[in-house]
Each structure stands twice: as structure tokens, then as C-alpha cells.
C-alpha atoms as a PDB file:
ATOM      1  CA  MET A   1       9.824  -9.625  74.387  1.00  0.00           C
ATOM      2  CA  GLY A   2       9.444 -12.852  72.305  1.00  0.00           C
ATOM      3  CA  ASN A   3       5.700 -12.519  72.723  1.00  0.00           C
ATOM      4  CA  PHE A   4       5.777  -9.087  71.096  1.00  0.00           C
ATOM      5  CA  ASP A   5       7.311 -10.567  67.902  1.00  0.00           C
ATOM      6  CA  ILE A   6       4.576 -13.165  67.676  1.00  0.00           C
ATOM      7  CA  ARG A   7       1.867 -10.497  68.047  1.00  0.00           C
ATOM      8  CA  VAL A   8       3.488  -8.316  65.342  1.00  0.00           C
ATOM      9  CA  LYS A   9       3.579 -11.276  62.991  1.00  0.00           C
ATOM     10  CA  ARG A  10      -0.067 -12.145  63.753  1.00  0.00           C
ATOM     11  CA  PHE A  11      -1.000  -8.525  63.216  1.00  0.00           C
ATOM     12  CA  ILE A  12       0.789  -8.442  59.802  1.00  0.00           C
ATOM     13  CA  ASP A  13      -0.882 -11.697  58.865  1.00  0.00           C
ATOM     14  CA  VAL A  14      -4.352 -10.634  59.763  1.00  0.00           C
ATOM     15  CA  PHE A  15      -4.244  -6.905  58.944  1.00  0.00           C
ATOM     16  CA  ILE A  16      -2.090  -6.783  55.761  1.00  0.00           C
ATOM     17  CA  ASN A  17      -1.935 -10.306  54.279  1.00  0.00           C
ATOM     18  CA  ALA A  18      -5.617 -11.252  54.905  1.00  0.00           C
ATOM     19  CA  GLY A  19      -6.911  -7.795  53.721  1.00  0.00           C
ATOM     20  CA  ALA A  20      -8.419  -6.580  57.013  1.00  0.00           C
ATOM     21  CA  TYR A  21      -7.047  -3.085  56.199  1.00  0.00           C
ATOM     22  CA  ASN A  22      -9.837  -2.858  53.548  1.00  0.00           C
ATOM     23  CA  LYS A  23     -12.434  -2.860  56.319  1.00  0.00           C
ATOM     24  CA  VAL A  24     -10.635  -0.093  58.103  1.00  0.00           C
ATOM     25  CA  LEU A  25     -10.432   1.969  54.945  1.00  0.00           C
ATOM     26  CA  LEU A  26     -14.085   1.306  54.233  1.00  0.00           C
ATOM     27  CA  GLY A  27     -15.022   2.448  57.748  1.00  0.00           C
ATOM     28  CA  LEU A  28     -12.823   5.515  57.333  1.00  0.00           C
ATOM     29  CA  LYS A  29     -14.556   6.313  54.025  1.00  0.00           C
ATOM     30  CA  ASN A  30     -18.047   6.016  55.561  1.00  0.00           C
ATOM     31  CA  THR A  31     -16.981   8.134  58.521  1.00  0.00           C
ATOM     32  CA  ILE A  32     -15.713  10.889  56.215  1.00  0.00           C
ATOM     33  CA  ILE A  33     -18.879  10.783  54.128  1.00  0.00           C
ATOM     34  CA  ILE A  34     -21.155  11.047  57.158  1.00  0.00           C
ATOM     35  CA  ALA A  35     -19.086  13.860  58.643  1.00  0.00           C
ATOM     36  CA  VAL A  36     -19.106  15.884  55.347  1.00  0.00           C
ATOM     37  CA  LEU A  37     -22.819  15.253  54.792  1.00  0.00           C
ATOM     38  CA  GLY A  38     -23.588  16.322  58.428  1.00  0.00           C
ATOM     39  CA  LEU A  39     -21.467  19.363  58.043  1.00  0.00           C
ATOM     40  CA  VAL A  40     -23.129  20.421  54.780  1.00  0.00           C
ATOM     41  CA  ILE A  41     -26.646  19.785  56.036  1.00  0.00           C
ATOM     42  CA  GLY A  42     -25.762  21.594  59.389  1.00  0.00           C
ATOM     43  CA  ILE A  43     -24.415  24.624  57.454  1.00  0.00           C
ATOM     44  CA  LEU A  44     -27.525  24.785  55.260  1.00  0.00           C
ATOM     45  CA  ILE A  45     -29.920  24.535  58.174  1.00  0.00           C
ATOM     46  CA  GLY A  46     -27.931  26.952  60.299  1.00  0.00           C
ATOM     47  CA  THR A  47     -27.765  29.502  57.522  1.00  0.00           C
ATOM     48  CA  LEU A  48     -31.462  29.344  56.807  1.00  0.00           C
ATOM     49  CA  ILE A  49     -32.341  29.690  60.551  1.00  0.00           C
ATOM     50  CA  ALA A  50     -29.919  32.573  60.948  1.00  0.00           C
ATOM     51  CA  THR A  51     -31.334  34.361  57.872  1.00  0.00           C
ATOM     52  CA  ILE A  52     -34.879  33.907  59.153  1.00  0.00           C
ATOM     53  CA  ARG A  53     -33.996  35.084  62.649  1.00  0.00           C
ATOM     54  CA  VAL A  54     -32.542  38.399  61.401  1.00  0.00           C
ATOM     55  CA  LEU A  55     -35.435  39.212  59.070  1.00  0.00           C
ATOM     56  CA  PRO A  56     -37.492  42.266  60.156  1.00  0.00           C
ATOM     57  CA  LYS A  57     -40.545  41.196  62.275  1.00  0.00           C
ATOM     58  CA  TYR A  58     -43.026  43.778  61.159  1.00  0.00           C
ATOM     59  CA  ARG A  59     -44.906  41.302  58.925  1.00  0.00           C
ATOM     60  CA  ARG A  60     -46.781  38.153  59.926  1.00  0.00           C
ATOM     61  CA  LEU A  61     -44.815  35.504  57.951  1.00  0.00           C
ATOM     62  CA  PRO A  62     -41.363  36.414  59.342  1.00  0.00           C
ATOM     63  CA  ARG A  63     -42.794  36.336  62.910  1.00  0.00           C
ATOM     64  CA  ILE A  64     -44.269  32.874  62.336  1.00  0.00           C
ATOM     65  CA  LEU A  65     -41.060  31.646  60.800  1.00  0.00           C
ATOM     66  CA  ASN A  66     -39.071  33.137  63.638  1.00  0.00           C
ATOM     67  CA  GLY A  67     -41.264  31.339  66.070  1.00  0.00           C
ATOM     68  CA  PHE A  68     -40.604  27.996  64.314  1.00  0.00           C
ATOM     69  CA  CYS A  69     -36.905  28.727  64.202  1.00  0.00           C
ATOM     70  CA  SER A  70     -36.821  29.665  67.857  1.00  0.00           C
ATOM     71  CA  PHE A  71     -38.654  26.439  68.750  1.00  0.00           C
ATOM     72  CA  TYR A  72     -36.251  24.408  66.572  1.00  0.00           C
ATOM     73  CA  VAL A  73     -33.092  25.989  68.175  1.00  0.00           C
ATOM     74  CA  SER A  74     -34.351  25.706  71.727  1.00  0.00           C
ATOM     75  CA  LEU A  75     -35.518  22.035  71.084  1.00  0.00           C
ATOM     76  CA  PHE A  76     -32.055  20.941  69.938  1.00  0.00           C
ATOM     77  CA  ARG A  77     -30.070  23.113  72.189  1.00  0.00           C
ATOM     78  CA  GLY A  78     -32.136  22.500  75.313  1.00  0.00           C
ATOM     79  CA  THR A  79     -32.354  18.763  75.201  1.00  0.00           C
ATOM     80  CA  PRO A  80     -29.326  16.401  75.703  1.00  0.00           C
ATOM     81  CA  VAL A  81     -28.234  14.303  72.701  1.00  0.00           C
ATOM     82  CA  VAL A  82     -29.149  11.060  74.547  1.00  0.00           C
ATOM     83  CA  VAL A  83     -32.709  12.170  74.938  1.00  0.00           C
ATOM     84  CA  GLN A  84     -32.821  13.095  71.188  1.00  0.00           C
ATOM     85  CA  LEU A  85     -31.547   9.668  70.329  1.00  0.00           C
ATOM     86  CA  LEU A  86     -34.060   7.944  72.589  1.00  0.00           C
ATOM     87  CA  VAL A  87     -36.906   9.887  70.936  1.00  0.00           C
ATOM     88  CA  PHE A  88     -35.546   8.991  67.574  1.00  0.00           C
ATOM     89  CA  TYR A  89     -35.368   5.357  68.441  1.00  0.00           C
ATOM     90  CA  TYR A  90     -38.607   4.883  70.400  1.00  0.00           C
ATOM     91  CA  VAL A  91     -40.845   7.370  68.516  1.00  0.00           C
ATOM     92  CA  LEU A  92     -39.676   8.114  65.025  1.00  0.00           C
ATOM     93  CA  LEU A  93     -38.434   4.638  64.009  1.00  0.00           C
ATOM     94  CA  PRO A  94     -41.704   2.927  64.998  1.00  0.00           C
ATOM     95  CA  LEU A  95     -43.741   5.654  63.201  1.00  0.00           C
ATOM     96  CA  LEU A  96     -41.596   5.058  60.041  1.00  0.00           C
ATOM     97  CA  ASN A  97     -42.288   1.320  60.424  1.00  0.00           C
ATOM     98  CA  ILE A  98     -38.603   0.376  59.924  1.00  0.00           C
ATOM     99  CA  LYS A  99     -38.070  -3.323  60.551  1.00  0.00           C
ATOM    100  CA  MET A 100     -34.904  -4.540  62.073  1.00  0.00           C
ATOM    101  CA  THR A 101     -34.096  -8.255  62.529  1.00  0.00           C
ATOM    102  CA  SER A 102     -32.334  -9.496  65.527  1.00  0.00           C
ATOM    103  CA  VAL A 103     -29.856 -11.448  63.438  1.00  0.00           C
ATOM    104  CA  ALA A 104     -28.795  -8.408  61.447  1.00  0.00           C
ATOM    105  CA  HIS A 105     -28.817  -5.953  64.358  1.00  0.00           C
ATOM    106  CA  PRO A 106     -28.262  -8.032  67.566  1.00  0.00           C
ATOM    107  CA  VAL A 107     -27.350  -5.081  69.863  1.00  0.00           C
ATOM    108  CA  GLU A 108     -30.034  -2.750  68.537  1.00  0.00           C
ATOM    109  CA  SER A 109     -32.702  -5.313  68.953  1.00  0.00           C
ATOM    110  CA  CYS A 110     -31.880  -5.527  72.655  1.00  0.00           C
ATOM    111  CA  PHE A 111     -32.605  -1.740  73.045  1.00  0.00           C
ATOM    112  CA  GLY A 112     -36.241  -2.558  72.830  1.00  0.00           C
ATOM    113  CA  LEU A 113     -36.051  -4.335  76.139  1.00  0.00           C
ATOM    114  CA  THR A 114     -35.496  -0.908  77.836  1.00  0.00           C
ATOM    115  CA  PHE A 115     -38.814   0.392  76.737  1.00  0.00           C
ATOM    116  CA  PRO A 116     -40.738  -0.723  79.844  1.00  0.00           C
ATOM    117  CA  ILE A 117     -38.193   1.001  82.014  1.00  0.00           C
ATOM    118  CA  PHE A 118     -38.641   4.326  80.236  1.00  0.00           C
ATOM    119  CA  LEU A 119     -42.448   3.856  80.278  1.00  0.00           C
ATOM    120  CA  VAL A 120     -42.380   3.471  84.043  1.00  0.00           C
ATOM    121  CA  ILE A 121     -40.155   6.566  84.311  1.00  0.00           C
ATOM    122  CA  ASN A 122     -42.601   8.468  82.139  1.00  0.00           C
ATOM    123  CA  ILE A 123     -45.546   7.388  84.188  1.00  0.00           C
ATOM    124  CA  CYS A 124     -43.648   8.481  87.345  1.00  0.00           C
ATOM    125  CA  PHE A 125     -43.007  11.940  85.772  1.00  0.00           C
ATOM    126  CA  PHE A 126     -46.697  12.191  84.801  1.00  0.00           C
ATOM    127  CA  ILE A 127     -47.888  11.410  88.333  1.00  0.00           C
ATOM    128  CA  PHE A 128     -45.222  13.864  89.694  1.00  0.00           C
ATOM    129  CA  TRP A 129     -46.424  16.768  87.537  1.00  0.00           C
ATOM    130  CA  LEU A 130     -50.033  15.994  88.552  1.00  0.00           C
ATOM    131  CA  ILE A 131     -49.142  15.894  92.261  1.00  0.00           C
ATOM    132  CA  ILE A 132     -47.380  19.220  92.189  1.00  0.00           C
ATOM    133  CA  GLN A 133     -50.147  20.686  90.032  1.00  0.00           C
ATOM    134  CA  LYS A 134     -48.033  21.653  87.046  1.00  0.00           C
ATOM    135  CA  TYR A 135     -50.559  20.488  84.503  1.00  0.00           C
ATOM    136  CA  LYS A 136     -48.783  22.025  81.527  1.00  0.00           C
ATOM    137  CA  PHE A 137     -45.760  19.874  82.178  1.00  0.00           C
ATOM    138  CA  ALA A 138     -47.862  16.769  82.546  1.00  0.00           C
ATOM    139  CA  LEU A 139     -48.813  17.136  78.851  1.00  0.00           C
ATOM    140  CA  PHE A 140     -45.317  16.019  77.764  1.00  0.00           C
ATOM    141  CA  PRO A 141     -45.621  12.461  79.161  1.00  0.00           C
ATOM    142  CA  LEU A 142     -49.227  12.355  78.030  1.00  0.00           C
ATOM    143  CA  VAL A 143     -48.090  13.183  74.409  1.00  0.00           C
ATOM    144  CA  ALA A 144     -45.369  10.495  74.725  1.00  0.00           C
ATOM    145  CA  PHE A 145     -48.059   7.987  75.785  1.00  0.00           C
ATOM    146  CA  LEU A 146     -50.094   8.893  72.772  1.00  0.00           C
ATOM    147  CA  LEU A 147     -47.171   8.658  70.386  1.00  0.00           C
ATOM    148  CA  CYS A 148     -46.125   5.281  71.801  1.00  0.00           C
ATOM    149  CA  TYR A 149     -49.637   3.750  72.001  1.00  0.00           C
ATOM    150  CA  SER A 150     -48.778   0.901  69.659  1.00  0.00           C
ATOM    151  CA  GLN A 151     -45.618   0.067  71.556  1.00  0.00           C
ATOM    152  CA  ILE A 152     -47.443   0.196  74.869  1.00  0.00           C
ATOM    153  CA  ARG A 153     -50.124  -2.200  73.463  1.00  0.00           C
ATOM    154  CA  THR A 154     -47.284  -4.565  72.322  1.00  0.00           C
ATOM    155  CA  TYR A 155     -45.550  -4.680  75.659  1.00  0.00           C
ATOM    156  CA  PHE A 156     -48.689  -4.721  77.808  1.00  0.00           C
ATOM    157  CA  PRO A 157     -51.528  -6.290  75.728  1.00  0.00           C
ATOM    158  CA  LEU A 158     -54.841  -5.994  77.551  1.00  0.00           C
ATOM    159  CA  ASN A 159     -57.575  -7.670  75.560  1.00  0.00           C
ATOM    160  CA  PHE A 160     -61.078  -7.351  76.885  1.00  0.00           C
ATOM    161  CA  HIS A 161     -62.952  -8.558  73.775  1.00  0.00           C
ATOM    162  CA  THR A 162     -63.587 -12.119  74.966  1.00  0.00           C
ATOM    163  CA  SER A 163     -66.717 -12.205  77.152  1.00  0.00           C
ATOM    164  CA  LYS A 164     -66.530 -15.876  78.097  1.00  0.00           C
ATOM    165  CA  LEU A 165     -63.572 -18.203  77.933  1.00  0.00           C
ATOM    166  CA  PRO A 166     -64.127 -21.848  76.879  1.00  0.00           C
ATOM    167  CA  GLU A 167     -63.961 -24.352  79.661  1.00  0.00           C
ATOM    168  CA  ASN A 168     -60.600 -26.129  80.269  1.00  0.00           C
ATOM    169  CA  SER A 169     -58.751 -23.338  78.428  1.00  0.00           C
ATOM    170  CA  PHE A 170     -55.715 -21.376  79.370  1.00  0.00           C
ATOM    171  CA  LYS A 171     -54.012 -18.251  78.120  1.00  0.00           C
ATOM    172  CA  VAL A 172     -50.471 -18.269  76.654  1.00  0.00           C
ATOM    173  CA  LEU A 173     -48.343 -15.241  76.380  1.00  0.00           C
ATOM    174  CA  SER A 174     -45.925 -15.565  73.440  1.00  0.00           C
ATOM    175  CA  TYR A 175     -43.579 -13.292  71.696  1.00  0.00           C
ATOM    176  CA  ASN A 176     -43.322 -12.983  67.942  1.00  0.00           C
ATOM    177  CA  ILE A 177     -40.058 -14.700  67.028  1.00  0.00           C
ATOM    178  CA  MET A 178     -40.886 -15.303  63.376  1.00  0.00           C
ATOM    179  CA  GLU A 179     -38.198 -12.834  62.197  1.00  0.00           C
ATOM    180  CA  ILE A 180     -35.291 -14.503  64.087  1.00  0.00           C
ATOM    181  CA  GLY A 181     -32.984 -16.182  61.626  1.00  0.00           C
ATOM    182  CA  ARG A 182     -34.646 -14.682  58.484  1.00  0.00           C
ATOM    183  CA  ALA A 183     -33.370 -11.629  56.779  1.00  0.00           C
ATOM    184  CA  HIS A 184     -35.845  -8.938  55.528  1.00  0.00           C
ATOM    185  CA  VAL A 185     -36.037  -8.732  51.718  1.00  0.00           C
END
């Protein structure tokens, strides 16, 4: 039990005397802010969708809005949260051109290494839907290929613009590591 006293003293030194509790309180504050904002935004969107869904459908505009709301609800209810996060990370973030340095975000920067795996899975699904002749479902991977075209070109660069290579030359594949160790301004 003597070891327990040492751990309690170390905890008091680090947590209370060194001020580590401030980080816990800051994390708690950020968690509450995110939870309250998410709750307010969710209530607003849910109220708007529920109002549109109960409007009479005898006019054109309520029918169109009802179609959009039905699509929105089925999209977020019908897909797992992990898939939504993957779409957000691999499609929306590159479209918004948000830069992340590997120094500031070391774990998140490693997520990009999984892109080729998901690309191969997407290719397999595309071939699968073509083989079983469900062409409508083959459009989903095709749209994903089009949305991720720049990322596909980044991972698998195929350059056919050189007609003749100089003699005694060789090709070098390199990765852009310019951002490592330098923070974005």
C-alpha cells in the first residue's frame, strides 16, 4: 500500500500543484460548448424538416421540399456514422482545401494512408455491381471516383506527357515533405 501513497502524492503534484486541472476544465468547457451547439443546430434542422414534411403536398414547392427532406433524413439515417465520417474526411475536407500539417495533427495525417485501401474496396464494389448487372448501384462508386479524382492522381500519378526520355535518365518517385516541421500561417 506504500506505492498507493506515492501515486496519490504524484497525482496531487501534477494535477493540482502544476495546474493540470486547467486542461481538464478547458476540455470540459469545449465539450459542453460542442454539445450545446450540436443540440441547438439539431433542434433547428429537425424542426425545419418536420415542418416541411407535414405541409400539405398539393402544391409543387412543398412536394419538392418534401423530396429534399426525405432524401436528407434517409441519407443520415441510412448510413452508418463511420461512413459519414469517412465521406467528410476523404471528400469534403479535400474539396474545402483544408491543409493539415503532420506536426500539428500527427494522428490525422496518418489517416491519409488508408485512402488506397478504400479506393481498392471502391473499385471492387464497382466491378461487383457491373458483374451482377446492377448498373444503378455502380454509379455510386463512379461518383466517388469523380469526387476523389485529385486524390487518386496524387496517390497514383500517371504522367504520359513525355514522349521521349533523355538518355541515361531515371525516374524518381518522391513525396512532398515540405510541410513537415513547419506550421501553417
